[in-house]
Protein backbone atom coordinates (compact mmCIF):
# COMPACT_ATOMS: atom_id res chain seq x y z
CA UNK A 1 31.43 -5.72 13.09
CA UNK A 2 29.81 -4.75 15.86
CA UNK A 3 25.80 -4.16 15.80
CA UNK A 4 25.77 -0.21 15.80
CA UNK A 5 28.71 -0.56 12.76
CA UNK A 6 26.28 -3.08 10.96
CA UNK A 7 23.01 -1.13 11.78
CA UNK A 8 24.94 2.00 10.01
CA UNK A 9 25.97 0.23 7.56
CA UNK A 10 22.89 -1.96 6.66
CA UNK A 11 19.99 0.37 8.12
CA UNK A 12 16.90 -1.03 6.68
CA UNK A 13 18.40 -5.11 6.78
CA UNK A 14 18.83 -4.03 10.48
CA UNK A 15 15.39 -2.59 11.09
CA UNK A 16 13.83 -6.06 9.20
CA UNK A 17 15.50 -8.25 11.09
CA UNK A 18 15.01 -6.24 14.88
CA UNK A 19 11.23 -5.90 13.47
CA UNK A 20 11.00 -9.66 12.95
CA UNK A 21 12.88 -10.74 15.74
CA UNK A 22 11.11 -8.56 18.51
CA UNK A 23 7.60 -9.50 16.87
CA UNK A 24 8.36 -13.19 15.96
CA UNK A 25 10.59 -13.56 18.93
CA UNK A 26 7.69 -12.85 21.39
CA UNK A 27 5.18 -14.98 19.58
CA UNK A 28 7.13 -18.08 19.54
CA UNK A 29 8.30 -17.65 23.67
CA UNK A 30 4.38 -17.48 24.15
CA UNK A 31 3.88 -20.49 21.92
CA UNK A 32 6.56 -22.55 23.19
CA UNK A 33 5.30 -21.91 26.50
CA UNK A 34 2.17 -23.63 25.48
CA UNK A 35 3.95 -26.88 23.87
CA UNK A 36 3.19 -24.93 20.60
CA UNK A 37 -0.63 -25.45 21.20
CA UNK A 38 -2.10 -23.70 18.15
CA UNK A 39 -5.46 -24.25 18.81
CA UNK A 40 -5.85 -23.28 22.60
CA UNK A 41 -4.35 -20.02 23.70
CA UNK A 42 -5.37 -17.98 26.83
CA UNK A 43 -6.60 -14.25 26.18
CA UNK A 44 -3.78 -12.93 28.37
CA UNK A 45 -1.36 -14.97 25.87
CA UNK A 46 -3.01 -13.83 22.78
CA UNK A 47 -3.41 -10.56 24.18
CA UNK A 48 0.43 -10.87 24.72
CA UNK A 49 1.31 -11.79 20.88
CA UNK A 50 -0.94 -9.00 19.74
CA UNK A 51 1.05 -6.47 21.31
CA UNK A 52 4.47 -7.54 20.34
CA UNK A 53 3.16 -7.69 16.97
CA UNK A 54 2.21 -3.87 17.31
CA UNK A 55 5.44 -2.73 19.09
CA UNK A 56 8.19 -4.76 16.45
CA UNK A 57 8.07 -2.24 13.87
CA UNK A 58 7.65 1.10 16.12
CA UNK A 59 10.00 -0.28 18.75
CA UNK A 60 12.66 -1.35 15.95
CA UNK A 61 12.09 2.56 13.90
CA UNK A 62 12.80 4.03 17.58
CA UNK A 63 15.67 2.67 18.09
CA UNK A 64 17.47 2.38 14.82
CA UNK A 65 16.11 6.14 14.49
CA UNK A 66 17.85 7.00 17.85
CA UNK A 67 21.01 5.37 17.08
CA UNK A 68 21.15 6.17 13.52
CA UNK A 69 19.94 10.11 13.61
CA UNK A 70 20.03 11.03 17.09
CA UNK A 71 17.46 13.95 18.52
CA UNK A 72 17.33 14.99 14.98
CA UNK A 73 16.15 12.02 13.56
CA UNK A 74 13.41 11.87 16.14
CA UNK A 75 12.28 15.30 15.60
CA UNK A 76 12.06 14.84 12.09
CA UNK A 77 9.76 12.01 13.44
CA UNK A 78 7.72 14.09 15.22
CA UNK A 79 7.65 16.33 12.96
CA UNK A 80 6.22 14.27 10.17
CA UNK A 81 3.89 12.57 12.75
CA UNK A 82 2.01 16.14 13.19
CA UNK A 83 1.61 17.01 9.75
CA UNK A 84 -1.54 17.40 8.65
CA UNK A 85 -1.14 20.32 5.87
CA UNK A 86 -1.23 18.30 3.22
CA UNK A 87 -3.89 18.34 0.42
CA UNK A 88 -7.76 17.53 0.56
CA UNK A 89 -7.02 14.69 -1.92
CA UNK A 90 -4.66 12.80 0.03
CA UNK A 91 -6.79 12.57 3.23
CA UNK A 92 -9.87 11.18 0.87
CA UNK A 93 -7.17 8.35 -0.51
CA UNK A 94 -5.95 7.51 3.27
CA UNK A 95 -9.23 7.26 4.53
CA UNK A 96 -11.79 6.21 1.91
CA UNK A 97 -10.47 3.83 -0.18
CA UNK A 98 -10.40 1.01 2.38
CA UNK A 99 -14.17 1.60 3.12
CA UNK A 100 -15.42 2.22 -0.09
CA UNK A 101 -13.63 -1.17 -1.42
CA UNK A 102 -14.30 -3.35 1.02
CA UNK A 103 -18.42 -2.18 1.45
CA UNK A 104 -18.64 -2.13 -2.59
CA UNK A 105 -17.20 -5.81 -2.47
CA UNK A 106 -19.45 -7.12 0.33
CA UNK A 107 -22.63 -5.81 -0.82
CA UNK A 108 -22.28 -6.26 -4.32
CA UNK A 109 -21.78 -10.14 -3.47
CA UNK A 110 -24.39 -9.99 -0.75
CA UNK A 111 -26.82 -8.93 -3.04
CA UNK A 112 -25.89 -11.05 -6.38
CA UNK A 113 -24.21 -14.17 -4.73
CA UNK A 114 -24.98 -14.89 -1.22
CA UNK A 115 -26.49 -13.05 2.06
CA UNK A 116 -23.54 -14.27 4.14
CA UNK A 117 -21.57 -11.94 2.45
CA UNK A 118 -23.43 -8.71 3.94
CA UNK A 119 -20.88 -6.62 6.33
CA UNK A 120 -21.57 -7.11 10.37
CA UNK A 121 -20.94 -3.52 11.54
CA UNK A 122 -19.44 -4.49 14.58
CA UNK A 123 -18.14 -1.02 15.37
CA UNK A 124 -16.24 -1.97 18.80
CA UNK A 125 -14.07 -3.46 16.57
CA UNK A 126 -13.50 -0.71 14.28
CA UNK A 127 -11.49 0.92 17.40
CA UNK A 128 -8.93 -2.39 18.21
CA UNK A 129 -8.67 -2.24 14.67
CA UNK A 130 -7.65 1.47 14.20
CA UNK A 131 -5.26 1.31 17.32
CA UNK A 132 -3.64 -2.06 15.72
CA UNK A 133 -2.99 0.35 12.80
CA UNK A 134 -1.60 3.47 14.62
CA UNK A 135 1.08 2.39 16.15
CA UNK A 136 2.97 -0.12 13.57
CA UNK A 137 3.62 3.24 10.84
CA UNK A 138 6.26 4.70 13.30
CA UNK A 139 8.34 1.83 11.98
CA UNK A 140 7.21 0.60 8.62
CA UNK A 141 6.79 4.21 7.14
CA UNK A 142 8.98 6.31 9.70
CA UNK A 143 12.19 4.27 9.18
CA UNK A 144 11.95 2.12 6.46
CA UNK A 145 9.77 4.16 3.59
CA UNK A 146 11.97 6.86 3.43
CA UNK A 147 15.16 4.95 3.31
CA UNK A 148 13.47 3.05 0.42
CA UNK A 149 12.60 5.94 -1.53
CA UNK A 150 15.90 7.02 -1.01
CA UNK A 151 17.11 3.87 -3.06
CA UNK A 152 14.26 3.43 -4.99
CA UNK A 153 11.20 4.76 -7.11
CA UNK A 154 7.82 4.87 -5.29
CA UNK A 155 6.28 1.31 -6.99
CA UNK A 156 9.61 -0.55 -6.25
CA UNK A 157 10.06 1.02 -2.76
CA UNK A 158 6.22 -0.26 -2.04
CA UNK A 159 6.79 -3.19 -3.88
CA UNK A 160 9.36 -4.47 -1.50
CA UNK A 161 7.71 -3.01 1.82
CA UNK A 162 4.65 -4.18 1.29
CA UNK A 163 5.77 -8.40 0.76
CA UNK A 164 8.18 -7.53 3.94
CA UNK A 165 4.77 -6.20 6.07
CA UNK A 166 2.93 -9.21 4.28
CA UNK A 167 4.89 -11.93 5.62
CA UNK A 168 5.92 -10.49 8.97
CA UNK A 169 2.19 -11.23 9.58
CA UNK A 170 2.69 -15.14 8.66
CA UNK A 171 3.64 -16.58 12.19
CA UNK A 172 0.67 -14.99 13.80
CA UNK A 173 -1.80 -16.21 10.44
CA UNK A 174 -0.23 -19.33 10.66
CA UNK A 175 -0.74 -20.16 14.43
CA UNK A 176 -4.60 -18.77 13.51
CA UNK A 177 -5.80 -20.81 11.00
CA UNK A 178 -3.38 -23.43 9.93
CA UNK A 179 -5.57 -26.24 12.21
CA UNK A 180 -8.32 -25.21 10.63
CA UNK A 181 -7.58 -24.65 7.12
CA UNK A 182 -4.58 -27.26 6.37
CA UNK A 183 -2.10 -26.87 3.81
CA UNK A 184 -4.84 -24.50 1.87
CA UNK A 185 -3.97 -22.11 4.86
CA UNK A 186 -0.97 -21.10 1.91
CA UNK A 187 -3.70 -20.05 -0.55
CA UNK A 188 -5.68 -17.75 2.23
CA UNK A 189 -2.23 -15.89 3.24
CA UNK A 190 -1.18 -15.54 -0.48
CA UNK A 191 -4.73 -13.78 -1.38
CA UNK A 192 -5.32 -12.20 2.05
CA UNK A 193 -2.36 -11.01 2.91
CA UNK A 194 0.31 -10.90 0.17
CA UNK A 195 -1.91 -9.97 -2.89
CA UNK A 196 -4.22 -7.53 -0.40
CA UNK A 197 -1.20 -5.83 1.66
CA UNK A 198 1.18 -5.44 -1.10
CA UNK A 199 -1.29 -3.72 -2.86
CA UNK A 200 -2.24 -1.21 0.18
CA UNK A 201 1.28 -0.64 0.80
CA UNK A 202 1.95 0.29 -2.54
CA UNK A 203 -0.87 3.47 -2.36
CA UNK A 204 0.33 4.27 1.00
CA UNK A 205 3.43 4.68 -0.20
CA UNK A 206 1.94 6.67 -3.19
CA UNK A 207 0.36 8.94 -0.52
CA UNK A 208 3.84 9.34 1.85
CA UNK A 209 6.21 9.97 -1.14
CA UNK A 210 3.86 12.79 -1.95
CA UNK A 211 3.32 14.23 1.48
CA UNK A 212 5.97 13.33 3.76
CA UNK A 213 3.20 12.95 6.50
CA UNK A 214 3.72 10.14 8.77
CA UNK A 215 0.11 11.62 10.02
CA UNK A 216 -1.94 10.28 6.88
CA UNK A 217 0.23 6.89 7.15
CA UNK A 218 -1.18 6.26 10.50
CA UNK A 219 -4.37 7.29 9.32
CA UNK A 220 -4.49 5.40 6.12
CA UNK A 221 -3.17 1.95 7.87
CA UNK A 222 -5.82 2.88 11.07
CA UNK A 223 -8.67 2.96 8.32
CA UNK A 224 -7.32 -0.19 6.87
CA UNK A 225 -7.37 -2.19 9.70
CA UNK A 226 -10.02 -0.68 11.21
CA UNK A 227 -12.78 -1.31 8.60
CA UNK A 228 -11.80 -4.60 7.90
CA UNK A 229 -12.17 -5.37 11.97
CA UNK A 230 -15.88 -3.72 12.07
CA UNK A 231 -17.10 -5.07 8.30
CA UNK A 232 -15.80 -8.64 8.18
CA UNK A 233 -18.61 -11.13 6.96
CA UNK A 234 -19.55 -14.24 8.86
CA UNK A 235 -18.11 -16.00 5.57
CA UNK A 236 -16.84 -19.92 5.05
CA UNK A 237 -13.61 -20.55 4.12
CA UNK A 238 -14.65 -21.12 0.56
CA UNK A 239 -16.67 -17.79 0.80
CA UNK A 240 -13.86 -15.65 2.18
CA UNK A 241 -11.30 -16.57 -0.50
CA UNK A 242 -14.19 -15.11 -3.05
CA UNK A 243 -14.42 -11.58 -1.54
CA UNK A 244 -10.73 -11.42 -0.58
CA UNK A 245 -9.71 -12.08 -4.09
CA UNK A 246 -12.44 -9.72 -5.07
CA UNK A 247 -10.87 -6.79 -2.51
CA UNK A 248 -7.26 -7.79 -4.01
CA UNK A 249 -8.37 -7.36 -7.07
CA UNK A 250 -9.74 -3.89 -6.54
CA UNK A 251 -6.86 -2.46 -4.68
CA UNK A 252 -5.09 -3.44 -7.25
CA UNK A 253 -6.89 -1.57 -9.86
CA UNK A 254 -6.41 1.51 -7.39
CA UNK A 255 -2.50 1.24 -7.51
CA UNK A 256 -2.92 0.88 -11.25
CA UNK A 257 -5.17 4.40 -11.16
CA UNK A 258 -2.59 5.77 -8.56
CA UNK A 259 0.52 5.01 -10.30
CA UNK A 260 -0.37 5.99 -13.71
CA UNK A 261 1.06 9.04 -13.98
CA UNK A 262 4.46 10.04 -12.96
CA UNK A 263 5.84 11.07 -9.56
CA UNK A 264 6.00 14.90 -9.38
CA UNK A 265 9.65 15.50 -9.51
CA UNK A 266 9.42 17.98 -6.41
CA UNK A 267 8.21 15.16 -3.99
CA UNK A 268 10.69 12.52 -5.02
CA UNK A 269 13.83 14.34 -4.63
CA UNK A 270 12.30 15.78 -0.77
CA UNK A 271 12.18 12.26 -0.44
CA UNK A 272 15.79 11.23 -1.28
CA UNK A 273 17.05 14.56 0.59
CA UNK A 274 15.50 13.81 3.84
CA UNK A 275 16.88 10.45 3.81
CA UNK A 276 20.62 11.09 2.74
CA UNK A 277 21.11 13.88 4.90
CA UNK A 278 20.43 11.31 7.87
CA UNK A 279 21.96 8.23 6.26
CA UNK A 280 25.12 10.75 5.53
CA UNK A 281 24.75 12.06 9.74
CA UNK A 282 24.79 7.82 10.47
CA UNK A 283 27.68 6.96 8.52
CA UNK A 284 28.25 5.24 5.81
CA UNK A 285 25.31 4.22 3.33
CA UNK A 286 24.39 0.77 3.62
CA UNK A 287 23.20 -1.86 0.79
CA UNK A 288 19.50 -1.54 -0.98
CA UNK A 289 17.46 -3.86 1.17
């Protein structure tokens, strides 16, 4: 079976393999060149890893969309990226969930537990975080979410993609924190990435399933990373686990509220039709994952 035939038969598996391969492959090349020195990397090496992580999902999404759907798929992707006429409540959800939950978490902890939890308001970092969140959604939402929604309900689709999204960060987070945290890094990763990002991706999937707007997904991701970078407190490892756990609980409560009502039939059907047409044009439908 050729690579093209495999991609047509298993588009989601192909996307995740290519995304992980591009992002992790570039990071492993840099780490290998430094003899896997996890502590001392030059700013250039760190920047290269950062860019490769951003480009992995977006390049994979664009390549596979062009391969499987051609110009029609790329036009569909562009139209979704420009789709801004959606209800104001979806903009509110996309832009305000993260800053409100994060600020409330840190402010309450700084008042009742320790002043170290106070948000630091590092505004230059907001722009870096926002840019970081912008590129990835061409792949995560523009390619993967559409196909997952064609096969699963929004909760299952968001859960599957959320776990894949969280685990995609594992190599870089390991490089940054394992030498300091040791085996407790696993606890930090489980809370800060698996629990938190999976919940947030569920919310993102809910928004996309109702709006079909890639633009809102980009804004929602940018809001998450931008506010996280800007408000990140100067806490110890133990204190970090506290506020990260509280934030994760807050996001899962938001998921419970957001999914308390069934999806409107029209939105679900729209998501399914968009992807089914693409799959039929591309070839046989692949497996579920």
